[in-house]
Amino acid sequence: MLTSAGFVDEAVLLGQSVYGEFGNGVAAQLSALPSVHVGWAFLIAYEVIRISPSRWRWLIVVHPVLTTLVVVVTANHFWADGILAVVLLVLAELGSRALARLGRRLRDRRRASPAADATPDQPPTPAPATLPPPTPAPATPAQASALPPAPSCRPAPTSAPEPRSALSPPSAPPPEGHTAAALRTGRHPA
């Protein structure tokens, strides 16, 4: 890293770094901005504090603080890398909450408006018919006789035709070429 500024890269001293001197090496040195180490530590701490009901959950705050100190002291990150990681996490959380609120508003608006569900080709679905409340059953026979008769769901009877016996003549003569016996048996002349 910046050894000329007094930073000591422990990984370079031990031969484990992917970075060489400034500007040389395999990995891009600017890819350390923001610090994923610091961002991940703060994200884990935030979620543990948010989800855990234990009073010990606040001990997790030590994790991001130590992670930030370690990556800065070992010269793998600047302070700005860690600060930017936390700022981006806060912005992501605020954006997520705003999108969730917007989604809830749109879903509530859609549920409240039956016309929103209708497509331009179809008319809106009519509301279901409401039934009258049921009448309570009478407690005594005297109360039962005082109640009006219940409405019937069956249509009113119409005048039914008079019953005929099989031997009575049909009301209209059979078609030409058909006899009464042929009509009864279903065998018709061709």
N, C-alpha and C. Protein backbone atom coordinates (compact mmCIF):
# COMPACT_ATOMS: atom_id res chain seq x y z
N MET A 1 0.84 -1.17 0.00
CA MET A 1 0.00 0.00 0.00
C MET A 1 0.89 1.24 0.00
N LEU A 2 0.58 2.22 0.74
CA LEU A 2 1.35 3.47 0.75
C LEU A 2 2.45 3.42 1.82
N THR A 3 3.48 2.66 1.54
CA THR A 3 4.58 2.56 2.50
C THR A 3 5.32 3.88 2.65
N SER A 4 5.33 4.70 1.61
CA SER A 4 6.01 5.99 1.68
C SER A 4 5.33 6.95 2.65
N ALA A 5 4.05 6.71 2.96
CA ALA A 5 3.31 7.55 3.88
C ALA A 5 3.37 7.00 5.31
N GLY A 6 4.14 5.94 5.50
CA GLY A 6 4.29 5.39 6.84
C GLY A 6 3.41 4.20 7.14
N PHE A 7 2.58 3.77 6.18
CA PHE A 7 1.76 2.59 6.40
C PHE A 7 2.61 1.34 6.21
N VAL A 8 2.32 0.33 6.99
CA VAL A 8 3.02 -0.95 6.87
C VAL A 8 1.97 -1.98 6.50
N ASP A 9 2.14 -2.60 5.35
CA ASP A 9 1.23 -3.64 4.90
C ASP A 9 1.76 -4.97 5.41
N GLU A 10 1.10 -5.50 6.42
CA GLU A 10 1.55 -6.74 7.04
C GLU A 10 1.57 -7.88 6.04
N ALA A 11 0.64 -7.92 5.12
CA ALA A 11 0.59 -9.01 4.15
C ALA A 11 1.79 -8.96 3.21
N VAL A 12 2.26 -7.76 2.86
CA VAL A 12 3.44 -7.64 2.00
C VAL A 12 4.68 -8.13 2.76
N LEU A 13 4.78 -7.77 4.05
CA LEU A 13 5.92 -8.20 4.86
C LEU A 13 5.97 -9.72 4.98
N LEU A 14 4.80 -10.34 5.08
CA LEU A 14 4.75 -11.79 5.25
C LEU A 14 4.64 -12.53 3.92
N GLY A 15 4.60 -11.81 2.82
CA GLY A 15 4.53 -12.44 1.50
C GLY A 15 3.18 -12.98 1.13
N GLN A 16 2.10 -12.42 1.70
CA GLN A 16 0.76 -12.94 1.44
C GLN A 16 -0.14 -11.93 0.72
N SER A 17 0.37 -10.83 0.26
CA SER A 17 -0.46 -9.79 -0.31
C SER A 17 -0.64 -9.97 -1.81
N VAL A 18 -1.80 -9.62 -2.30
CA VAL A 18 -2.04 -9.61 -3.74
C VAL A 18 -1.59 -8.29 -4.33
N TYR A 19 -1.25 -7.34 -3.46
CA TYR A 19 -0.79 -6.04 -3.90
C TYR A 19 0.74 -6.02 -3.89
N GLY A 20 1.30 -5.35 -4.83
CA GLY A 20 2.72 -5.10 -4.79
C GLY A 20 2.91 -3.69 -4.27
N GLU A 21 3.98 -3.05 -4.69
CA GLU A 21 4.15 -1.64 -4.35
C GLU A 21 3.05 -0.86 -5.04
N PHE A 22 2.86 0.39 -4.68
CA PHE A 22 1.76 1.20 -5.20
C PHE A 22 1.75 1.20 -6.72
N GLY A 23 0.61 0.80 -7.30
CA GLY A 23 0.46 0.80 -8.75
C GLY A 23 0.81 -0.50 -9.40
N ASN A 24 1.44 -1.40 -8.69
CA ASN A 24 1.80 -2.71 -9.26
C ASN A 24 1.01 -3.79 -8.51
N GLY A 25 0.83 -4.92 -9.10
CA GLY A 25 0.17 -6.02 -8.42
C GLY A 25 -1.00 -6.54 -9.22
N VAL A 26 -1.61 -7.60 -8.67
CA VAL A 26 -2.68 -8.30 -9.38
C VAL A 26 -4.02 -7.58 -9.22
N ALA A 27 -4.36 -7.19 -8.00
CA ALA A 27 -5.68 -6.60 -7.74
C ALA A 27 -5.64 -5.09 -7.87
N ALA A 28 -6.75 -4.52 -8.21
CA ALA A 28 -6.85 -3.06 -8.30
C ALA A 28 -6.96 -2.49 -6.89
N GLN A 29 -6.08 -1.56 -6.57
CA GLN A 29 -6.06 -1.05 -5.20
C GLN A 29 -7.27 -0.18 -4.90
N LEU A 30 -7.86 0.43 -5.91
CA LEU A 30 -9.03 1.26 -5.66
C LEU A 30 -10.30 0.44 -5.47
N SER A 31 -10.21 -0.88 -5.70
CA SER A 31 -11.39 -1.70 -5.46
C SER A 31 -11.65 -1.88 -3.97
N ALA A 32 -10.76 -1.35 -3.14
CA ALA A 32 -10.96 -1.42 -1.69
C ALA A 32 -11.93 -0.36 -1.21
N LEU A 33 -12.41 0.47 -2.10
CA LEU A 33 -13.35 1.52 -1.72
C LEU A 33 -14.74 1.16 -2.23
N PRO A 34 -15.73 0.99 -1.43
CA PRO A 34 -15.75 0.99 0.03
C PRO A 34 -15.26 -0.35 0.59
N SER A 35 -14.98 -0.39 1.86
CA SER A 35 -14.48 -1.61 2.48
C SER A 35 -15.61 -2.62 2.67
N VAL A 36 -15.49 -3.74 2.00
CA VAL A 36 -16.50 -4.79 2.15
C VAL A 36 -16.40 -5.40 3.55
N HIS A 37 -15.17 -5.46 4.09
CA HIS A 37 -15.01 -6.00 5.45
C HIS A 37 -15.81 -5.17 6.45
N VAL A 38 -15.68 -3.88 6.39
CA VAL A 38 -16.37 -2.99 7.32
C VAL A 38 -17.88 -3.01 7.04
N GLY A 39 -18.26 -2.97 5.78
CA GLY A 39 -19.69 -3.00 5.43
C GLY A 39 -20.36 -4.27 5.92
N TRP A 40 -19.71 -5.40 5.72
CA TRP A 40 -20.28 -6.68 6.15
C TRP A 40 -20.38 -6.73 7.67
N ALA A 41 -19.36 -6.26 8.38
CA ALA A 41 -19.39 -6.27 9.84
C ALA A 41 -20.53 -5.40 10.37
N PHE A 42 -20.72 -4.23 9.80
CA PHE A 42 -21.82 -3.36 10.23
C PHE A 42 -23.18 -3.95 9.87
N LEU A 43 -23.29 -4.59 8.71
CA LEU A 43 -24.56 -5.21 8.32
C LEU A 43 -24.94 -6.33 9.29
N ILE A 44 -23.98 -7.18 9.63
CA ILE A 44 -24.26 -8.27 10.57
C ILE A 44 -24.67 -7.70 11.93
N ALA A 45 -23.95 -6.69 12.40
CA ALA A 45 -24.29 -6.09 13.69
C ALA A 45 -25.69 -5.48 13.67
N TYR A 46 -26.03 -4.78 12.60
CA TYR A 46 -27.36 -4.16 12.49
C TYR A 46 -28.46 -5.21 12.55
N GLU A 47 -28.30 -6.30 11.79
CA GLU A 47 -29.34 -7.33 11.75
C GLU A 47 -29.45 -8.08 13.07
N VAL A 48 -28.32 -8.35 13.72
CA VAL A 48 -28.39 -9.03 15.02
C VAL A 48 -29.12 -8.15 16.03
N ILE A 49 -28.81 -6.87 16.05
CA ILE A 49 -29.48 -5.95 16.99
C ILE A 49 -30.96 -5.84 16.65
N ARG A 50 -31.30 -5.83 15.37
CA ARG A 50 -32.69 -5.68 14.95
C ARG A 50 -33.52 -6.92 15.25
N ILE A 51 -32.94 -8.10 15.09
CA ILE A 51 -33.72 -9.34 15.18
C ILE A 51 -33.68 -9.97 16.57
N SER A 52 -32.55 -9.95 17.23
CA SER A 52 -32.40 -10.68 18.49
C SER A 52 -33.15 -10.00 19.63
N PRO A 53 -33.88 -10.78 20.43
CA PRO A 53 -34.57 -10.21 21.58
C PRO A 53 -33.67 -10.16 22.84
N SER A 54 -32.49 -10.75 22.77
CA SER A 54 -31.62 -10.84 23.95
C SER A 54 -31.00 -9.49 24.30
N ARG A 55 -30.80 -9.27 25.59
CA ARG A 55 -30.12 -8.04 25.99
C ARG A 55 -28.64 -8.09 25.66
N TRP A 56 -28.11 -9.27 25.38
CA TRP A 56 -26.70 -9.45 25.03
C TRP A 56 -26.43 -9.10 23.58
N ARG A 57 -27.45 -8.82 22.82
CA ARG A 57 -27.27 -8.52 21.40
C ARG A 57 -26.39 -7.30 21.17
N TRP A 58 -26.30 -6.41 22.13
CA TRP A 58 -25.51 -5.20 21.98
C TRP A 58 -24.01 -5.48 21.97
N LEU A 59 -23.59 -6.67 22.39
CA LEU A 59 -22.17 -7.03 22.33
C LEU A 59 -21.67 -7.12 20.88
N ILE A 60 -22.59 -7.32 19.95
CA ILE A 60 -22.19 -7.43 18.55
C ILE A 60 -21.58 -6.13 18.03
N VAL A 61 -21.80 -5.02 18.70
CA VAL A 61 -21.24 -3.73 18.27
C VAL A 61 -19.70 -3.79 18.28
N VAL A 62 -19.15 -4.65 19.11
CA VAL A 62 -17.69 -4.79 19.17
C VAL A 62 -17.15 -5.29 17.82
N HIS A 63 -17.89 -6.14 17.14
CA HIS A 63 -17.43 -6.74 15.88
C HIS A 63 -17.11 -5.68 14.81
N PRO A 64 -18.02 -4.79 14.43
CA PRO A 64 -17.66 -3.81 13.39
C PRO A 64 -16.59 -2.81 13.86
N VAL A 65 -16.57 -2.50 15.14
CA VAL A 65 -15.54 -1.57 15.63
C VAL A 65 -14.16 -2.21 15.49
N LEU A 66 -14.02 -3.46 15.93
CA LEU A 66 -12.73 -4.14 15.81
C LEU A 66 -12.35 -4.37 14.35
N THR A 67 -13.32 -4.74 13.52
CA THR A 67 -13.03 -4.96 12.10
C THR A 67 -12.51 -3.68 11.47
N THR A 68 -13.14 -2.56 11.76
CA THR A 68 -12.70 -1.27 11.20
C THR A 68 -11.28 -0.94 11.68
N LEU A 69 -11.03 -1.13 12.96
CA LEU A 69 -9.68 -0.86 13.47
C LEU A 69 -8.63 -1.75 12.82
N VAL A 70 -8.94 -3.02 12.66
CA VAL A 70 -7.96 -3.96 12.09
C VAL A 70 -7.64 -3.62 10.64
N VAL A 71 -8.66 -3.33 9.83
CA VAL A 71 -8.36 -3.07 8.41
C VAL A 71 -7.65 -1.74 8.21
N VAL A 72 -7.84 -0.79 9.13
CA VAL A 72 -7.13 0.49 9.02
C VAL A 72 -5.71 0.36 9.56
N VAL A 73 -5.56 -0.30 10.70
CA VAL A 73 -4.23 -0.44 11.31
C VAL A 73 -3.32 -1.29 10.43
N THR A 74 -3.85 -2.30 9.76
CA THR A 74 -3.02 -3.12 8.87
C THR A 74 -2.83 -2.48 7.51
N ALA A 75 -3.32 -1.29 7.31
CA ALA A 75 -3.17 -0.52 6.08
C ALA A 75 -3.82 -1.17 4.87
N ASN A 76 -4.86 -1.95 5.12
CA ASN A 76 -5.62 -2.51 4.00
C ASN A 76 -6.71 -1.56 3.53
N HIS A 77 -7.11 -0.63 4.40
CA HIS A 77 -8.12 0.36 4.05
C HIS A 77 -7.81 1.68 4.73
N PHE A 78 -8.32 2.75 4.13
CA PHE A 78 -8.30 4.06 4.78
C PHE A 78 -9.58 4.19 5.60
N TRP A 79 -9.64 5.19 6.48
CA TRP A 79 -10.85 5.44 7.24
C TRP A 79 -12.02 5.74 6.30
N ALA A 80 -11.76 6.44 5.23
CA ALA A 80 -12.83 6.80 4.29
C ALA A 80 -13.48 5.55 3.68
N ASP A 81 -12.72 4.48 3.49
CA ASP A 81 -13.29 3.24 2.95
C ASP A 81 -14.38 2.69 3.87
N GLY A 82 -14.09 2.68 5.16
CA GLY A 82 -15.06 2.19 6.14
C GLY A 82 -16.25 3.10 6.28
N ILE A 83 -15.98 4.41 6.30
CA ILE A 83 -17.08 5.37 6.45
C ILE A 83 -18.01 5.30 5.25
N LEU A 84 -17.45 5.18 4.05
CA LEU A 84 -18.29 5.08 2.85
C LEU A 84 -19.10 3.79 2.85
N ALA A 85 -18.53 2.72 3.36
CA ALA A 85 -19.28 1.46 3.44
C ALA A 85 -20.51 1.62 4.33
N VAL A 86 -20.35 2.29 5.47
CA VAL A 86 -21.49 2.49 6.38
C VAL A 86 -22.51 3.43 5.75
N VAL A 87 -22.06 4.47 5.07
CA VAL A 87 -22.98 5.40 4.40
C VAL A 87 -23.80 4.66 3.34
N LEU A 88 -23.15 3.80 2.56
CA LEU A 88 -23.88 3.04 1.54
C LEU A 88 -24.87 2.07 2.16
N LEU A 89 -24.52 1.45 3.29
CA LEU A 89 -25.47 0.57 3.97
C LEU A 89 -26.71 1.34 4.45
N VAL A 90 -26.49 2.52 5.00
CA VAL A 90 -27.62 3.34 5.48
C VAL A 90 -28.51 3.74 4.29
N LEU A 91 -27.89 4.14 3.19
CA LEU A 91 -28.69 4.50 2.01
C LEU A 91 -29.47 3.31 1.46
N ALA A 92 -28.84 2.13 1.46
CA ALA A 92 -29.54 0.93 0.98
C ALA A 92 -30.72 0.59 1.89
N GLU A 93 -30.55 0.73 3.19
CA GLU A 93 -31.64 0.44 4.12
C GLU A 93 -32.79 1.44 3.94
N LEU A 94 -32.46 2.71 3.80
CA LEU A 94 -33.51 3.72 3.59
C LEU A 94 -34.25 3.49 2.27
N GLY A 95 -33.51 3.15 1.22
CA GLY A 95 -34.14 2.85 -0.07
C GLY A 95 -35.03 1.62 0.01
N SER A 96 -34.59 0.61 0.74
CA SER A 96 -35.39 -0.61 0.89
C SER A 96 -36.69 -0.32 1.63
N ARG A 97 -36.61 0.49 2.68
CA ARG A 97 -37.82 0.84 3.43
C ARG A 97 -38.78 1.67 2.57
N ALA A 98 -38.24 2.59 1.77
CA ALA A 98 -39.09 3.41 0.90
C ALA A 98 -39.79 2.54 -0.14
N LEU A 99 -39.06 1.59 -0.72
CA LEU A 99 -39.69 0.70 -1.71
C LEU A 99 -40.74 -0.19 -1.07
N ALA A 100 -40.51 -0.65 0.15
CA ALA A 100 -41.51 -1.47 0.84
C ALA A 100 -42.77 -0.66 1.12
N ARG A 101 -42.61 0.60 1.56
CA ARG A 101 -43.77 1.47 1.80
C ARG A 101 -44.55 1.70 0.51
N LEU A 102 -43.83 1.95 -0.58
CA LEU A 102 -44.48 2.18 -1.87
C LEU A 102 -45.24 0.93 -2.30
N GLY A 103 -44.64 -0.23 -2.13
CA GLY A 103 -45.32 -1.48 -2.49
C GLY A 103 -46.58 -1.70 -1.68
N ARG A 104 -46.53 -1.39 -0.37
CA ARG A 104 -47.73 -1.54 0.46
C ARG A 104 -48.82 -0.57 0.02
N ARG A 105 -48.43 0.68 -0.30
CA ARG A 105 -49.44 1.65 -0.76
C ARG A 105 -50.11 1.22 -2.05
N LEU A 106 -49.31 0.74 -2.99
CA LEU A 106 -49.87 0.28 -4.27
C LEU A 106 -50.78 -0.92 -4.07
N ARG A 107 -50.38 -1.86 -3.22
CA ARG A 107 -51.19 -3.04 -2.96
C ARG A 107 -52.50 -2.64 -2.27
N ASP A 108 -52.44 -1.71 -1.31
CA ASP A 108 -53.67 -1.26 -0.63
C ASP A 108 -54.58 -0.52 -1.59
N ARG A 109 -54.01 0.29 -2.48
CA ARG A 109 -54.81 1.03 -3.45
C ARG A 109 -55.49 0.07 -4.42
N ARG A 110 -54.79 -0.98 -4.81
CA ARG A 110 -55.36 -1.96 -5.74
C ARG A 110 -56.50 -2.72 -5.08
N ARG A 111 -56.32 -3.07 -3.81
CA ARG A 111 -57.39 -3.79 -3.09
C ARG A 111 -58.61 -2.91 -2.86
N ALA A 112 -58.40 -1.62 -2.65
CA ALA A 112 -59.50 -0.71 -2.37
C ALA A 112 -60.32 -0.39 -3.60
N SER A 113 -59.73 -0.47 -4.79
CA SER A 113 -60.42 -0.10 -6.01
C SER A 113 -60.71 -1.34 -6.84
N PRO A 114 -61.99 -1.80 -6.89
CA PRO A 114 -62.30 -2.96 -7.72
C PRO A 114 -62.14 -2.66 -9.21
N ALA A 115 -62.27 -1.40 -9.61
CA ALA A 115 -62.12 -1.07 -11.03
C ALA A 115 -60.68 -1.20 -11.48
N ALA A 116 -59.73 -1.17 -10.55
CA ALA A 116 -58.32 -1.29 -10.92
C ALA A 116 -57.99 -2.69 -11.39
N ASP A 117 -58.78 -3.69 -10.94
CA ASP A 117 -58.53 -5.06 -11.35
C ASP A 117 -59.07 -5.36 -12.74
N ALA A 118 -59.99 -4.54 -13.24
CA ALA A 118 -60.61 -4.81 -14.53
C ALA A 118 -59.66 -4.39 -15.65
N THR A 119 -59.64 -5.19 -16.67
CA THR A 119 -58.84 -4.84 -17.84
C THR A 119 -59.69 -4.00 -18.76
N PRO A 120 -59.08 -3.29 -19.72
CA PRO A 120 -59.89 -2.45 -20.61
C PRO A 120 -60.91 -3.25 -21.42
N ASP A 121 -60.64 -4.54 -21.65
CA ASP A 121 -61.56 -5.36 -22.45
C ASP A 121 -62.75 -5.86 -21.64
N GLN A 122 -62.59 -5.90 -20.31
CA GLN A 122 -63.64 -6.45 -19.47
C GLN A 122 -64.20 -5.36 -18.57
N PRO A 123 -65.51 -5.40 -18.32
CA PRO A 123 -66.08 -4.45 -17.36
C PRO A 123 -65.68 -4.88 -15.95
N PRO A 124 -65.74 -3.96 -14.99
CA PRO A 124 -65.41 -4.34 -13.61
C PRO A 124 -66.36 -5.40 -13.09
N THR A 125 -65.87 -6.25 -12.24
CA THR A 125 -66.68 -7.32 -11.67
C THR A 125 -67.66 -6.72 -10.68
N PRO A 126 -68.95 -7.07 -10.78
CA PRO A 126 -69.91 -6.50 -9.83
C PRO A 126 -69.67 -7.06 -8.44
N ALA A 127 -70.08 -6.31 -7.45
CA ALA A 127 -69.94 -6.75 -6.06
C ALA A 127 -70.90 -7.90 -5.81
N PRO A 128 -70.55 -8.84 -4.95
CA PRO A 128 -71.45 -9.97 -4.69
C PRO A 128 -72.72 -9.49 -3.99
N ALA A 129 -73.81 -10.17 -4.29
CA ALA A 129 -75.10 -9.82 -3.69
C ALA A 129 -75.08 -10.15 -2.20
N THR A 130 -75.72 -9.30 -1.43
CA THR A 130 -75.77 -9.56 0.01
C THR A 130 -77.08 -10.25 0.34
N LEU A 131 -77.02 -11.18 1.23
CA LEU A 131 -78.21 -11.91 1.66
C LEU A 131 -78.77 -11.24 2.91
N PRO A 132 -80.11 -11.33 3.11
CA PRO A 132 -80.68 -10.77 4.34
C PRO A 132 -80.21 -11.59 5.53
N PRO A 133 -80.15 -10.99 6.70
CA PRO A 133 -79.71 -11.75 7.87
C PRO A 133 -80.72 -12.84 8.19
N PRO A 134 -80.25 -13.97 8.70
CA PRO A 134 -81.19 -15.05 9.03
C PRO A 134 -82.07 -14.65 10.21
N THR A 135 -83.29 -15.15 10.18
CA THR A 135 -84.21 -14.86 11.29
C THR A 135 -83.96 -15.90 12.37
N PRO A 136 -83.97 -15.49 13.62
CA PRO A 136 -83.73 -16.45 14.70
C PRO A 136 -84.90 -17.41 14.84
N ALA A 137 -84.59 -18.62 15.27
CA ALA A 137 -85.64 -19.63 15.46
C ALA A 137 -86.48 -19.26 16.67
N PRO A 138 -87.80 -19.44 16.60
CA PRO A 138 -88.65 -19.09 17.75
C PRO A 138 -88.37 -20.04 18.91
N ALA A 139 -88.50 -19.52 20.11
CA ALA A 139 -88.25 -20.32 21.30
C ALA A 139 -89.46 -21.17 21.68
N THR A 140 -90.67 -20.70 21.36
CA THR A 140 -91.88 -21.43 21.75
C THR A 140 -92.79 -21.58 20.54
N PRO A 141 -93.71 -22.55 20.56
CA PRO A 141 -94.65 -22.70 19.44
C PRO A 141 -95.53 -21.46 19.25
N ALA A 142 -95.84 -20.74 20.33
CA ALA A 142 -96.67 -19.54 20.20
C ALA A 142 -95.93 -18.47 19.40
N GLN A 143 -94.63 -18.37 19.64
CA GLN A 143 -93.85 -17.41 18.87
C GLN A 143 -93.77 -17.85 17.40
N ALA A 144 -93.70 -19.15 17.16
CA ALA A 144 -93.61 -19.66 15.79
C ALA A 144 -94.85 -19.32 14.99
N SER A 145 -96.02 -19.35 15.61
CA SER A 145 -97.25 -19.03 14.88
C SER A 145 -97.36 -17.54 14.60
N ALA A 146 -96.63 -16.70 15.39
CA ALA A 146 -96.71 -15.26 15.19
C ALA A 146 -95.79 -14.79 14.06
N LEU A 147 -94.83 -15.63 13.65
CA LEU A 147 -93.90 -15.24 12.60
C LEU A 147 -94.55 -15.31 11.23
N PRO A 148 -94.20 -14.42 10.34
CA PRO A 148 -94.73 -14.53 8.97
C PRO A 148 -94.11 -15.75 8.29
N PRO A 149 -94.77 -16.26 7.29
CA PRO A 149 -94.21 -17.44 6.61
C PRO A 149 -92.89 -17.08 5.92
N ALA A 150 -91.96 -18.03 5.93
CA ALA A 150 -90.65 -17.81 5.30
C ALA A 150 -90.81 -17.76 3.79
N PRO A 151 -90.07 -16.89 3.11
CA PRO A 151 -90.18 -16.85 1.65
C PRO A 151 -89.62 -18.13 1.04
N SER A 152 -90.25 -18.54 -0.02
CA SER A 152 -89.83 -19.77 -0.67
C SER A 152 -88.85 -19.47 -1.79
N CYS A 153 -87.91 -20.36 -2.00
CA CYS A 153 -86.94 -20.21 -3.08
C CYS A 153 -87.46 -20.83 -4.37
N ARG A 154 -88.55 -21.58 -4.27
CA ARG A 154 -89.09 -22.22 -5.46
C ARG A 154 -89.99 -21.25 -6.21
N PRO A 155 -90.04 -21.37 -7.54
CA PRO A 155 -90.94 -20.49 -8.28
C PRO A 155 -92.40 -20.84 -7.96
N ALA A 156 -93.24 -19.88 -8.16
CA ALA A 156 -94.68 -20.10 -7.92
C ALA A 156 -95.18 -21.17 -8.88
N PRO A 157 -96.07 -22.05 -8.39
CA PRO A 157 -96.56 -23.11 -9.28
C PRO A 157 -97.42 -22.54 -10.41
N THR A 158 -97.26 -23.12 -11.56
CA THR A 158 -98.07 -22.72 -12.71
C THR A 158 -99.14 -23.77 -12.91
N SER A 159 -100.09 -23.49 -13.77
CA SER A 159 -101.14 -24.49 -14.00
C SER A 159 -100.51 -25.67 -14.73
N ALA A 160 -100.54 -26.81 -14.08
CA ALA A 160 -99.95 -28.03 -14.65
C ALA A 160 -100.94 -28.67 -15.62
N PRO A 161 -100.42 -29.31 -16.65
CA PRO A 161 -101.35 -29.99 -17.57
C PRO A 161 -102.03 -31.16 -16.86
N GLU A 162 -103.19 -31.45 -17.33
CA GLU A 162 -103.92 -32.57 -16.72
C GLU A 162 -103.20 -33.85 -17.02
N PRO A 163 -103.13 -34.73 -16.04
CA PRO A 163 -102.44 -36.00 -16.29
C PRO A 163 -103.21 -36.84 -17.30
N ARG A 164 -102.43 -37.54 -18.16
CA ARG A 164 -103.03 -38.41 -19.18
C ARG A 164 -102.63 -39.83 -18.90
N SER A 165 -103.47 -40.72 -19.26
CA SER A 165 -103.08 -42.13 -19.16
C SER A 165 -102.46 -42.51 -20.49
N ALA A 166 -101.79 -43.63 -20.53
CA ALA A 166 -101.14 -44.10 -21.76
C ALA A 166 -102.16 -44.44 -22.82
N LEU A 167 -103.40 -44.70 -22.42
CA LEU A 167 -104.41 -45.10 -23.38
C LEU A 167 -105.19 -43.91 -23.94
N SER A 168 -105.03 -42.76 -23.32
CA SER A 168 -105.79 -41.63 -23.82
C SER A 168 -105.18 -41.16 -25.13
N PRO A 169 -106.03 -40.65 -26.05
CA PRO A 169 -105.52 -40.23 -27.35
C PRO A 169 -104.64 -38.98 -27.21
N PRO A 170 -103.60 -38.86 -28.03
CA PRO A 170 -102.76 -37.66 -27.96
C PRO A 170 -103.59 -36.44 -28.34
N SER A 171 -103.15 -35.30 -27.87
CA SER A 171 -103.90 -34.08 -28.12
C SER A 171 -103.81 -33.68 -29.59
N ALA A 172 -102.74 -34.04 -30.27
CA ALA A 172 -102.61 -33.73 -31.70
C ALA A 172 -102.39 -35.03 -32.45
N PRO A 173 -102.90 -35.12 -33.69
CA PRO A 173 -102.68 -36.37 -34.43
C PRO A 173 -101.20 -36.55 -34.75
N PRO A 174 -100.74 -37.80 -34.79
CA PRO A 174 -99.32 -38.04 -35.10
C PRO A 174 -99.01 -37.59 -36.51
N PRO A 175 -97.75 -37.30 -36.79
CA PRO A 175 -97.36 -36.88 -38.13
C PRO A 175 -97.72 -37.98 -39.13
N GLU A 176 -97.89 -37.59 -40.35
CA GLU A 176 -98.29 -38.52 -41.39
C GLU A 176 -97.28 -39.66 -41.50
N GLY A 177 -97.76 -40.86 -41.54
CA GLY A 177 -96.92 -42.04 -41.65
C GLY A 177 -96.50 -42.61 -40.32
N HIS A 178 -96.82 -41.94 -39.24
CA HIS A 178 -96.44 -42.43 -37.91
C HIS A 178 -97.70 -42.89 -37.19
N THR A 179 -97.60 -44.00 -36.60
CA THR A 179 -98.73 -44.51 -35.83
C THR A 179 -98.44 -44.31 -34.36
N ALA A 180 -99.46 -44.47 -33.56
CA ALA A 180 -99.29 -44.33 -32.11
C ALA A 180 -98.33 -45.37 -31.57
N ALA A 181 -98.39 -46.59 -32.12
CA ALA A 181 -97.49 -47.66 -31.66
C ALA A 181 -96.05 -47.33 -32.02
N ALA A 182 -95.83 -46.75 -33.20
CA ALA A 182 -94.48 -46.40 -33.60
C ALA A 182 -93.94 -45.29 -32.72
N LEU A 183 -94.83 -44.39 -32.32
CA LEU A 183 -94.39 -43.31 -31.43
C LEU A 183 -93.99 -43.86 -30.06
N ARG A 184 -94.77 -44.89 -29.57
CA ARG A 184 -94.45 -45.46 -28.25
C ARG A 184 -93.17 -46.27 -28.30
N THR A 185 -92.91 -47.00 -29.33
CA THR A 185 -91.74 -47.88 -29.39
C THR A 185 -90.52 -47.16 -29.92
N GLY A 186 -90.68 -46.05 -30.55
CA GLY A 186 -89.55 -45.31 -31.09
C GLY A 186 -89.13 -45.78 -32.46
N ARG A 187 -89.89 -46.74 -33.09
CA ARG A 187 -89.56 -47.21 -34.43
C ARG A 187 -90.41 -46.47 -35.42
N HIS A 188 -89.75 -45.66 -36.18
CA HIS A 188 -90.47 -44.85 -37.16
C HIS A 188 -90.15 -45.40 -38.56
N PRO A 189 -91.16 -45.33 -39.44
CA PRO A 189 -90.87 -45.76 -40.82
C PRO A 189 -89.94 -44.77 -41.50
N ALA A 190 -89.08 -45.25 -42.30
CA ALA A 190 -88.13 -44.40 -42.99
C ALA A 190 -88.71 -43.65 -44.12
